[in-house]
Protein backbone atom coordinates (compact mmCIF):
# COMPACT_ATOMS: atom_id res chain seq x y z
CA MET A 1 -9.67 104.03 164.15
CA GLY A 2 -9.78 100.32 164.78
CA SER A 3 -12.77 98.17 165.40
CA VAL A 4 -13.00 96.34 168.88
CA LYS A 5 -12.25 93.63 167.66
CA ASP A 6 -8.61 94.90 166.31
CA THR A 7 -8.01 96.91 169.66
CA ILE A 8 -9.30 93.53 171.62
CA GLY A 9 -6.66 91.35 169.10
CA LYS A 10 -3.90 93.73 169.53
CA ALA A 11 -3.89 93.64 173.58
CA GLY A 12 -4.11 89.49 172.99
CA LYS A 13 -0.71 90.05 171.21
CA PHE A 14 0.79 92.76 173.38
CA MET A 15 0.34 90.36 176.63
CA GLY A 16 1.08 87.52 174.63
CA ASP A 17 4.52 89.18 173.69
CA VAL A 18 4.99 90.33 177.52
CA SER A 19 4.17 86.77 178.39
CA ALA A 20 7.41 85.94 176.12
CA GLU A 21 9.76 88.41 177.44
CA MET A 22 9.14 87.35 180.80
CA LYS A 23 9.86 83.81 180.56
CA LYS A 24 13.45 85.65 179.41
CA THR A 25 14.06 87.31 181.82
CA ASP A 26 16.99 85.80 184.64
CA TRP A 27 15.42 86.32 188.25
CA PRO A 28 17.76 86.57 190.28
CA THR A 29 18.51 84.07 193.33
CA ARG A 30 16.59 84.30 196.80
CA GLN A 31 20.21 84.33 198.08
CA GLU A 32 21.08 87.43 195.69
CA LEU A 33 18.09 89.77 196.46
CA ILE A 34 18.72 89.12 200.26
CA GLU A 35 22.24 90.53 199.12
CA SER A 36 20.72 93.45 197.42
CA THR A 37 18.51 94.44 199.79
CA ILE A 38 20.77 94.58 202.44
CA VAL A 39 23.32 96.36 200.24
CA VAL A 40 20.13 99.27 199.73
CA VAL A 41 19.00 99.04 203.37
CA ALA A 42 22.70 99.63 204.67
CA SER A 43 23.22 102.75 201.89
CA LEU A 44 19.86 104.22 203.06
CA ILE A 45 21.16 104.32 206.64
CA MET A 46 24.23 105.27 206.11
CA LEU A 47 22.54 108.62 203.23
CA GLY A 48 19.77 109.16 206.43
CA ALA A 49 22.98 109.22 208.95
CA PHE A 50 25.00 112.09 206.74
CA ILE A 51 22.29 113.86 205.93
CA PHE A 52 21.40 113.64 209.90
CA VAL A 53 24.53 114.96 211.13
CA CYS A 54 24.96 117.52 207.90
CA ASP A 55 21.63 119.20 208.91
CA THR A 56 22.36 119.05 212.75
CA VAL A 57 25.99 120.89 212.12
CA LEU A 58 24.33 123.63 209.50
CA THR A 59 21.53 124.17 211.76
CA ASN A 60 23.36 124.53 215.00
CA LEU A 61 26.30 127.35 212.80
CA VAL A 62 23.03 128.96 211.45
CA LYS A 63 22.04 129.76 215.00
CA ILE A 64 25.67 130.66 215.95
CA ILE A 65 25.80 133.52 213.29
CA ILE A 66 22.12 134.78 213.60
CA PRO A 67 21.65 134.58 217.35
């Protein structure tokens, strides 16, 4: 088991490595972020509508089959 000093040194090195990697990251522009968000929200709305329609249809079918 290492000493507290070793643990703090390792944590400091880890944070330095994280900082260096974050500087290498290619962040999206504001416009790219907005466009991606619109695609995600639109996809969620379409998926929600599809699930709603399927659920409604299947519920009504079950009600017809099992009165």
